Protein backbone atom coordinates (compact mmCIF):
# COMPACT_ATOMS: atom_id res chain seq x y z
CA MET A 1 24.38 78.60 -149.60
CA ASN A 2 25.64 77.45 -146.22
CA THR A 3 23.73 77.66 -142.96
CA TYR A 4 25.35 78.54 -139.66
CA GLU A 5 24.74 77.46 -136.09
CA TYR A 6 26.35 79.60 -133.40
CA LYS A 7 27.09 78.30 -129.90
CA VAL A 8 28.51 80.55 -127.17
CA THR A 9 30.85 78.53 -124.96
CA ASN A 10 32.33 81.16 -122.62
CA LEU A 11 32.09 84.85 -121.77
CA ILE A 12 35.06 86.76 -120.40
CA ARG A 13 34.10 89.90 -118.51
CA ASN A 14 35.81 92.77 -116.74
CA PRO A 15 35.41 93.49 -113.01
CA ASP A 16 32.29 95.57 -113.79
CA GLY A 17 30.66 92.52 -115.37
CA ILE A 18 30.87 93.90 -118.92
CA VAL A 19 31.62 91.17 -121.46
CA ALA A 20 34.88 91.94 -123.23
CA THR A 21 35.47 88.68 -125.09
CA THR A 22 33.36 85.71 -126.08
CA GLN A 23 34.41 82.23 -127.02
CA PHE A 24 32.05 80.54 -129.44
CA SER A 25 31.76 78.05 -132.25
CA ILE A 26 30.10 78.16 -135.64
CA THR A 27 28.99 75.05 -137.42
CA ALA A 28 28.76 75.68 -141.16
CA SER A 29 26.63 73.23 -143.12
CA ASP A 30 25.97 72.91 -146.82
CA GLY A 31 23.19 70.38 -146.27
CA VAL A 32 25.49 67.41 -146.80
CA ASP A 33 28.67 68.17 -144.87
CA SER A 34 29.26 70.32 -141.84
CA PHE A 35 32.30 71.57 -139.96
CA THR A 36 32.57 73.27 -136.57
CA HIS A 37 35.24 75.88 -135.87
CA ASN A 38 35.98 77.64 -132.56
CA TYR A 39 36.55 81.38 -132.24
CA ASN A 40 37.54 84.01 -129.69
CA PHE A 41 36.14 87.46 -130.33
CA GLY A 42 36.85 90.69 -128.46
CA PHE A 43 34.16 93.32 -128.59
CA ALA A 44 35.53 96.58 -129.94
CA ASN A 45 32.21 98.35 -129.32
CA LYS A 46 30.40 98.23 -126.01
CA PRO A 47 26.70 97.49 -126.28
CA VAL A 48 24.58 100.63 -126.60
CA THR A 49 22.79 99.62 -123.41
CA PRO A 50 25.03 97.47 -121.20
CA THR A 51 23.23 94.36 -120.03
CA ALA A 52 23.77 92.93 -116.57
CA PHE A 53 25.77 89.71 -116.86
CA ASN A 54 23.04 87.61 -115.23
CA ASP A 55 20.47 89.00 -117.69
CA LEU A 56 22.42 88.03 -120.82
CA THR A 57 21.08 85.43 -123.20
CA GLU A 58 22.95 83.45 -125.79
CA ALA A 59 20.79 85.07 -128.46
CA LYS A 60 21.84 88.55 -127.30
CA VAL A 61 25.54 87.66 -127.35
CA ILE A 62 25.22 86.11 -130.83
CA GLU A 63 23.51 89.33 -131.94
CA TRP A 64 26.53 91.28 -130.66
CA ILE A 65 28.97 88.92 -132.42
CA LYS A 66 27.13 89.36 -135.72
CA ARG A 67 26.86 93.12 -135.26
CA ASP A 68 30.55 93.57 -134.55
CA SER A 69 31.67 91.17 -137.29
CA GLY A 70 30.70 93.72 -139.91
CA ALA A 71 28.49 93.65 -142.96
CA GLU A 72 30.47 90.78 -144.46
CA ASN A 73 30.58 88.57 -141.40
CA GLN A 74 34.22 87.57 -141.04
CA HIS A 75 33.35 84.57 -138.88
CA GLU A 76 30.88 83.09 -141.34
CA ALA A 77 33.35 83.65 -144.19
CA SER A 78 36.00 81.83 -142.16
CA ALA A 79 33.53 79.01 -141.39
CA ASP A 80 32.82 78.71 -145.13
CA ALA A 81 36.55 78.39 -145.83
CA GLU A 82 36.96 75.79 -143.07
CA LEU A 83 34.07 73.74 -144.47
CA ALA A 84 35.52 73.91 -147.99
CA ALA A 85 38.93 72.82 -146.69
CA TRP A 86 37.33 69.96 -144.75
CA LYS A 87 35.56 68.75 -147.90
CA LEU A 88 38.87 68.75 -149.81
CA ARG A 89 40.64 66.81 -147.05
CA LYS A 90 37.74 64.34 -146.90
CA ALA A 91 37.76 63.82 -150.68
CA ALA A 92 41.53 63.26 -150.96
CA PRO A 93 43.10 62.42 -147.59
CA VAL A 94 46.81 63.11 -147.46
CA VAL A 95 47.51 61.30 -144.19
CA THR A 96 46.23 58.16 -142.54
CA ALA A 97 46.29 57.01 -138.96
CA GLY A 98 46.35 53.69 -137.19
CA VAL A 99 48.65 50.94 -136.02
CA PRO A 100 49.73 47.78 -137.87
CA TRP A 101 48.60 45.34 -135.16
């Protein structure tokens, strides 16, 4: 089972200071390999109790992301797929880079 580390990188808010969109990353790790993917997420549901922008914490915003991602967290599922794809690319690279000199 993978573990996930969320990191909020930006909050986009309306003129009233209500966060409408968050930019964040999730690092998925299987204990050996890890892969970080960036996301933008618009909040379809306003928080039950709006929180003043200056009073927000990263933990609160991550709680909102998880809440609005649904029971089967679409972001964690996507992070799992990205990690699996990374492991395949790492195991059998299809391209190489470099210069001949």
